[in-house]
């Protein structure tokens, strides 16, 4: 397993990148694996209505599992 931000060398170089996008009451995120010129989404999701009674959190894997 590769930790976020770790750079792996060997047969093929790869990096794992965490992207965050924050708003006033939400946070969206994506975790991506970069291998050569290929980008693969590993996980994505959002926390919405942060601090509110109706706040929600959801995440899904690249295969659509929640």
PDB file of N, CA and C in Angstrom:
ATOM      1  N   UNK A   1       0.841  -1.178   0.000  1.00  0.00           N
ATOM      2  CA  UNK A   1       0.000   0.000   0.000  1.00  0.00           C
ATOM      3  C   UNK A   1       0.886   1.241   0.000  1.00  0.00           C
ATOM      4  N   UNK A   2       0.478   2.251  -0.725  1.00  0.00           N
ATOM      5  CA  UNK A   2       1.229   3.494  -0.838  1.00  0.00           C
ATOM      6  C   UNK A   2       0.512   4.571  -0.039  1.00  0.00           C
ATOM      7  N   UNK A   3       1.229   5.292   0.826  1.00  0.00           N
ATOM      8  CA  UNK A   3       0.643   6.389   1.581  1.00  0.00           C
ATOM      9  C   UNK A   3       0.528   7.620   0.692  1.00  0.00           C
ATOM     10  N   UNK A   4      -0.443   8.476   1.000  1.00  0.00           N
ATOM     11  CA  UNK A   4      -0.647   9.705   0.230  1.00  0.00           C
ATOM     12  C   UNK A   4       0.641  10.521   0.210  1.00  0.00           C
ATOM     13  N   UNK A   5       1.033  10.947  -0.954  1.00  0.00           N
ATOM     14  CA  UNK A   5       2.221  11.772  -1.104  1.00  0.00           C
ATOM     15  C   UNK A   5       3.510  10.994  -1.234  1.00  0.00           C
ATOM     16  N   UNK A   6       3.455   9.688  -1.067  1.00  0.00           N
ATOM     17  CA  UNK A   6       4.672   8.883  -1.155  1.00  0.00           C
ATOM     18  C   UNK A   6       5.004   8.624  -2.619  1.00  0.00           C
ATOM     19  N   UNK A   7       6.274   8.681  -2.946  1.00  0.00           N
ATOM     20  CA  UNK A   7       6.741   8.421  -4.312  1.00  0.00           C
ATOM     21  C   UNK A   7       7.442   7.076  -4.308  1.00  0.00           C
ATOM     22  N   UNK A   8       7.015   6.180  -5.159  1.00  0.00           N
ATOM     23  CA  UNK A   8       7.562   4.823  -5.193  1.00  0.00           C
ATOM     24  C   UNK A   8       8.414   4.662  -6.440  1.00  0.00           C
ATOM     25  N   UNK A   9       9.601   4.108  -6.261  1.00  0.00           N
ATOM     26  CA  UNK A   9      10.462   3.846  -7.412  1.00  0.00           C
ATOM     27  C   UNK A   9      10.592   2.350  -7.595  1.00  0.00           C
ATOM     28  N   UNK A  10      11.020   1.940  -8.745  1.00  0.00           N
ATOM     29  CA  UNK A  10      11.180   0.520  -9.023  1.00  0.00           C
ATOM     30  C   UNK A  10      10.793   0.271 -10.456  1.00  0.00           C
ATOM     31  N   UNK A  11      10.052  -0.814 -10.686  1.00  0.00           N
ATOM     32  CA  UNK A  11       9.656  -1.194 -12.039  1.00  0.00           C
ATOM     33  C   UNK A  11       8.890  -0.066 -12.720  1.00  0.00           C
ATOM     34  N   UNK A  12       8.051   0.646 -11.977  1.00  0.00           N
ATOM     35  CA  UNK A  12       7.303   1.774 -12.521  1.00  0.00           C
ATOM     36  C   UNK A  12       7.086   2.791 -11.423  1.00  0.00           C
ATOM     37  N   UNK A  13       7.365   4.060 -11.701  1.00  0.00           N
ATOM     38  CA  UNK A  13       7.170   5.093 -10.695  1.00  0.00           C
ATOM     39  C   UNK A  13       5.702   5.435 -10.574  1.00  0.00           C
ATOM     40  N   UNK A  14       5.282   5.686  -9.337  1.00  0.00           N
ATOM     41  CA  UNK A  14       3.914   6.119  -9.115  1.00  0.00           C
ATOM     42  C   UNK A  14       3.865   7.049  -7.914  1.00  0.00           C
ATOM     43  N   UNK A  15       2.858   7.890  -7.890  1.00  0.00           N
ATOM     44  CA  UNK A  15       2.597   8.789  -6.769  1.00  0.00           C
ATOM     45  C   UNK A  15       1.131   8.692  -6.438  1.00  0.00           C
ATOM     46  N   UNK A  16       0.792   8.967  -5.188  1.00  0.00           N
ATOM     47  CA  UNK A  16      -0.604   9.049  -4.770  1.00  0.00           C
ATOM     48  C   UNK A  16      -0.846  10.489  -4.344  1.00  0.00           C
ATOM     49  N   UNK A  17      -1.914  11.098  -4.879  1.00  0.00           N
ATOM     50  CA  UNK A  17      -2.201  12.511  -4.655  1.00  0.00           C
ATOM     51  C   UNK A  17      -3.577  12.662  -4.031  1.00  0.00           C
ATOM     52  N   UNK A  18      -3.669  13.479  -2.981  1.00  0.00           N
ATOM     53  CA  UNK A  18      -4.937  13.833  -2.364  1.00  0.00           C
ATOM     54  C   UNK A  18      -5.287  15.250  -2.797  1.00  0.00           C
ATOM     55  N   UNK A  19      -6.436  15.421  -3.452  1.00  0.00           N
ATOM     56  CA  UNK A  19      -6.892  16.739  -3.879  1.00  0.00           C
ATOM     57  C   UNK A  19      -8.073  17.150  -3.006  1.00  0.00           C
ATOM     58  N   UNK A  20      -8.042  18.378  -2.481  1.00  0.00           N
ATOM     59  CA  UNK A  20      -9.105  18.903  -1.634  1.00  0.00           C
ATOM     60  C   UNK A  20      -9.668  20.174  -2.236  1.00  0.00           C
ATOM     61  N   UNK A  21     -10.977  20.344  -2.123  1.00  0.00           N
ATOM     62  CA  UNK A  21     -11.648  21.549  -2.584  1.00  0.00           C
ATOM     63  C   UNK A  21     -12.614  21.957  -1.482  1.00  0.00           C
ATOM     64  N   UNK A  22     -12.327  23.074  -0.829  1.00  0.00           N
ATOM     65  CA  UNK A  22     -13.179  23.491   0.291  1.00  0.00           C
ATOM     66  C   UNK A  22     -14.014  24.711  -0.071  1.00  0.00           C
ATOM     67  N   UNK A  23     -15.223  24.712   0.462  1.00  0.00           N
ATOM     68  CA  UNK A  23     -16.129  25.849   0.321  1.00  0.00           C
ATOM     69  C   UNK A  23     -16.483  26.348   1.704  1.00  0.00           C
ATOM     70  N   UNK A  24     -17.470  27.191   1.797  1.00  0.00           N
ATOM     71  CA  UNK A  24     -17.827  27.755   3.100  1.00  0.00           C
ATOM     72  C   UNK A  24     -18.389  26.713   4.054  1.00  0.00           C
ATOM     73  N   UNK A  25     -19.083  25.717   3.547  1.00  0.00           N
ATOM     74  CA  UNK A  25     -19.634  24.677   4.432  1.00  0.00           C
ATOM     75  C   UNK A  25     -19.503  23.283   3.832  1.00  0.00           C
ATOM     76  N   UNK A  26     -18.551  23.120   2.904  1.00  0.00           N
ATOM     77  CA  UNK A  26     -18.376  21.804   2.291  1.00  0.00           C
ATOM     78  C   UNK A  26     -16.898  21.530   2.032  1.00  0.00           C
ATOM     79  N   UNK A  27     -16.590  20.253   1.899  1.00  0.00           N
ATOM     80  CA  UNK A  27     -15.239  19.816   1.568  1.00  0.00           C
ATOM     81  C   UNK A  27     -15.365  18.644   0.609  1.00  0.00           C
ATOM     82  N   UNK A  28     -14.810  18.783  -0.571  1.00  0.00           N
ATOM     83  CA  UNK A  28     -14.799  17.695  -1.550  1.00  0.00           C
ATOM     84  C   UNK A  28     -13.370  17.176  -1.647  1.00  0.00           C
ATOM     85  N   UNK A  29     -13.233  15.875  -1.904  1.00  0.00           N
ATOM     86  CA  UNK A  29     -11.898  15.296  -1.952  1.00  0.00           C
ATOM     87  C   UNK A  29     -11.815  14.212  -3.015  1.00  0.00           C
ATOM     88  N   UNK A  30     -10.613  13.974  -3.472  1.00  0.00           N
ATOM     89  CA  UNK A  30     -10.327  12.894  -4.406  1.00  0.00           C
ATOM     90  C   UNK A  30      -8.935  12.362  -4.123  1.00  0.00           C
ATOM     91  N   UNK A  31      -8.782  11.059  -4.203  1.00  0.00           N
ATOM     92  CA  UNK A  31      -7.486  10.413  -4.026  1.00  0.00           C
ATOM     93  C   UNK A  31      -7.155   9.738  -5.348  1.00  0.00           C
ATOM     94  N   UNK A  32      -5.990  10.064  -5.911  1.00  0.00           N
ATOM     95  CA  UNK A  32      -5.621   9.607  -7.246  1.00  0.00           C
ATOM     96  C   UNK A  32      -4.256   8.940  -7.229  1.00  0.00           C
ATOM     97  N   UNK A  33      -4.084   7.923  -8.078  1.00  0.00           N
ATOM     98  CA  UNK A  33      -2.776   7.292  -8.294  1.00  0.00           C
ATOM     99  C   UNK A  33      -2.271   7.760  -9.652  1.00  0.00           C
ATOM    100  N   UNK A  34      -1.055   8.285  -9.681  1.00  0.00           N
ATOM    101  CA  UNK A  34      -0.413   8.738 -10.914  1.00  0.00           C
ATOM    102  C   UNK A  34       0.700   7.764 -11.246  1.00  0.00           C
ATOM    103  N   UNK A  35       0.613   7.144 -12.400  1.00  0.00           N
ATOM    104  CA  UNK A  35       1.625   6.192 -12.861  1.00  0.00           C
ATOM    105  C   UNK A  35       2.014   6.583 -14.273  1.00  0.00           C
ATOM    106  N   UNK A  36       3.217   7.096 -14.438  1.00  0.00           N
ATOM    107  CA  UNK A  36       3.632   7.556 -15.766  1.00  0.00           C
ATOM    108  C   UNK A  36       2.688   8.641 -16.250  1.00  0.00           C
ATOM    109  N   UNK A  37       2.027   8.420 -17.389  1.00  0.00           N
ATOM    110  CA  UNK A  37       1.084   9.406 -17.920  1.00  0.00           C
ATOM    111  C   UNK A  37      -0.356   9.035 -17.586  1.00  0.00           C
ATOM    112  N   UNK A  38      -0.547   8.029 -16.747  1.00  0.00           N
ATOM    113  CA  UNK A  38      -1.889   7.548 -16.404  1.00  0.00           C
ATOM    114  C   UNK A  38      -2.328   8.058 -15.030  1.00  0.00           C
ATOM    115  N   UNK A  39      -3.597   8.517 -14.930  1.00  0.00           N
ATOM    116  CA  UNK A  39      -4.187   8.944 -13.669  1.00  0.00           C
ATOM    117  C   UNK A  39      -5.381   8.054 -13.372  1.00  0.00           C
ATOM    118  N   UNK A  40      -5.409   7.506 -12.161  1.00  0.00           N
ATOM    119  CA  UNK A  40      -6.480   6.596 -11.759  1.00  0.00           C
ATOM    120  C   UNK A  40      -7.123   7.119 -10.476  1.00  0.00           C
ATOM    121  N   UNK A  41      -8.434   7.334 -10.495  1.00  0.00           N
ATOM    122  CA  UNK A  41      -9.137   7.764  -9.287  1.00  0.00           C
ATOM    123  C   UNK A  41      -9.299   6.568  -8.356  1.00  0.00           C
ATOM    124  N   UNK A  42      -8.885   6.707  -7.103  1.00  0.00           N
ATOM    125  CA  UNK A  42      -9.000   5.639  -6.126  1.00  0.00           C
ATOM    126  C   UNK A  42     -10.219   5.828  -5.227  1.00  0.00           C
ATOM    127  N   UNK A  43     -10.498   7.088  -4.850  1.00  0.00           N
ATOM    128  CA  UNK A  43     -11.556   7.397  -3.903  1.00  0.00           C
ATOM    129  C   UNK A  43     -11.972   8.842  -4.098  1.00  0.00           C
ATOM    130  N   UNK A  44     -13.268   9.124  -3.956  1.00  0.00           N
ATOM    131  CA  UNK A  44     -13.728  10.509  -4.000  1.00  0.00           C
ATOM    132  C   UNK A  44     -14.950  10.655  -3.111  1.00  0.00           C
ATOM    133  N   UNK A  45     -15.241  11.884  -2.737  1.00  0.00           N
ATOM    134  CA  UNK A  45     -16.405  12.110  -1.897  1.00  0.00           C
ATOM    135  C   UNK A  45     -16.496  13.545  -1.435  1.00  0.00           C
ATOM    136  N   UNK A  46     -17.393  13.754  -0.447  1.00  0.00           N
ATOM    137  CA  UNK A  46     -17.627  15.104   0.041  1.00  0.00           C
ATOM    138  C   UNK A  46     -18.251  15.075   1.428  1.00  0.00           C
ATOM    139  N   UNK A  47     -18.000  16.131   2.173  1.00  0.00           N
ATOM    140  CA  UNK A  47     -18.701  16.431   3.416  1.00  0.00           C
ATOM    141  C   UNK A  47     -19.460  17.718   3.113  1.00  0.00           C
ATOM    142  N   UNK A  48     -20.760  17.698   3.290  1.00  0.00           N
ATOM    143  CA  UNK A  48     -21.604  18.846   2.934  1.00  0.00           C
ATOM    144  C   UNK A  48     -22.380  19.335   4.141  1.00  0.00           C
ATOM    145  N   UNK A  49     -22.721  20.601   4.138  1.00  0.00           N
ATOM    146  CA  UNK A  49     -23.463  21.251   5.232  1.00  0.00           C
ATOM    147  C   UNK A  49     -22.736  21.039   6.559  1.00  0.00           C
ATOM    148  N   UNK A  50     -21.422  21.246   6.545  1.00  0.00           N
ATOM    149  CA  UNK A  50     -20.594  21.059   7.733  1.00  0.00           C
ATOM    150  C   UNK A  50     -21.072  22.018   8.825  1.00  0.00           C
ATOM    151  N   UNK A  51     -21.276  21.477  10.019  1.00  0.00           N
ATOM    152  CA  UNK A  51     -21.731  22.290  11.150  1.00  0.00           C
ATOM    153  C   UNK A  51     -23.235  22.426  11.241  1.00  0.00           C
ATOM    154  N   UNK A  52     -23.946  21.863  10.294  1.00  0.00           N
ATOM    155  CA  UNK A  52     -25.403  21.934  10.279  1.00  0.00           C
ATOM    156  C   UNK A  52     -26.001  20.607  10.739  1.00  0.00           C
ATOM    157  N   UNK A  53     -27.230  20.631  11.217  1.00  0.00           N
ATOM    158  CA  UNK A  53     -27.917  19.421  11.670  1.00  0.00           C
ATOM    159  C   UNK A  53     -28.128  18.424  10.526  1.00  0.00           C
ATOM    160  N   UNK A  54     -28.251  18.926   9.307  1.00  0.00           N
ATOM    161  CA  UNK A  54     -28.495  18.063   8.149  1.00  0.00           C
ATOM    162  C   UNK A  54     -27.214  17.755   7.365  1.00  0.00           C
ATOM    163  N   UNK A  55     -26.059  17.843   8.026  1.00  0.00           N
ATOM    164  CA  UNK A  55     -24.782  17.569   7.370  1.00  0.00           C
ATOM    165  C   UNK A  55     -24.710  16.144   6.833  1.00  0.00           C
ATOM    166  N   UNK A  56     -23.971  15.985   5.738  1.00  0.00           N
ATOM    167  CA  UNK A  56     -23.840  14.680   5.088  1.00  0.00           C
ATOM    168  C   UNK A  56     -22.381  14.423   4.725  1.00  0.00           C
ATOM    169  N   UNK A  57     -22.017  13.145   4.735  1.00  0.00           N
ATOM    170  CA  UNK A  57     -20.708  12.719   4.271  1.00  0.00           C
ATOM    171  C   UNK A  57     -20.916  11.526   3.352  1.00  0.00           C
ATOM    172  N   UNK A  58     -20.240  11.537   2.219  1.00  0.00           N
ATOM    173  CA  UNK A  58     -20.294  10.377   1.339  1.00  0.00           C
ATOM    174  C   UNK A  58     -18.955  10.204   0.645  1.00  0.00           C
ATOM    175  N   UNK A  59     -18.645   8.936   0.350  1.00  0.00           N
ATOM    176  CA  UNK A  59     -17.406   8.591  -0.346  1.00  0.00           C
ATOM    177  C   UNK A  59     -17.682   7.370  -1.197  1.00  0.00           C
ATOM    178  N   UNK A  60     -16.930   7.249  -2.287  1.00  0.00           N
ATOM    179  CA  UNK A  60     -17.062   6.056  -3.140  1.00  0.00           C
ATOM    180  C   UNK A  60     -15.681   5.692  -3.671  1.00  0.00           C
ATOM    181  N   UNK A  61     -15.508   4.402  -3.891  1.00  0.00           N
ATOM    182  CA  UNK A  61     -14.254   3.921  -4.461  1.00  0.00           C
ATOM    183  C   UNK A  61     -14.322   4.031  -5.980  1.00  0.00           C
ATOM    184  N   UNK A  62     -13.237   3.745  -6.626  1.00  0.00           N
ATOM    185  CA  UNK A  62     -13.210   3.808  -8.098  1.00  0.00           C
ATOM    186  C   UNK A  62     -14.183   2.833  -8.719  1.00  0.00           C
ATOM    187  N   UNK A  63     -14.541   1.761  -8.006  1.00  0.00           N
ATOM    188  CA  UNK A  63     -15.479   0.781  -8.522  1.00  0.00           C
ATOM    189  C   UNK A  63     -16.917   1.109  -8.147  1.00  0.00           C
ATOM    190  N   UNK A  64     -17.124   2.250  -7.505  1.00  0.00           N
ATOM    191  CA  UNK A  64     -18.462   2.688  -7.157  1.00  0.00           C
ATOM    192  C   UNK A  64     -18.955   2.241  -5.806  1.00  0.00           C
ATOM    193  N   UNK A  65     -18.156   1.483  -5.053  1.00  0.00           N
ATOM    194  CA  UNK A  65     -18.571   1.044  -3.718  1.00  0.00           C
ATOM    195  C   UNK A  65     -18.648   2.238  -2.783  1.00  0.00           C
ATOM    196  N   UNK A  66     -19.626   2.217  -1.902  1.00  0.00           N
ATOM    197  CA  UNK A  66     -19.795   3.310  -0.937  1.00  0.00           C
ATOM    198  C   UNK A  66     -19.432   2.862   0.447  1.00  0.00           C
TER     199      UNK A  66
END
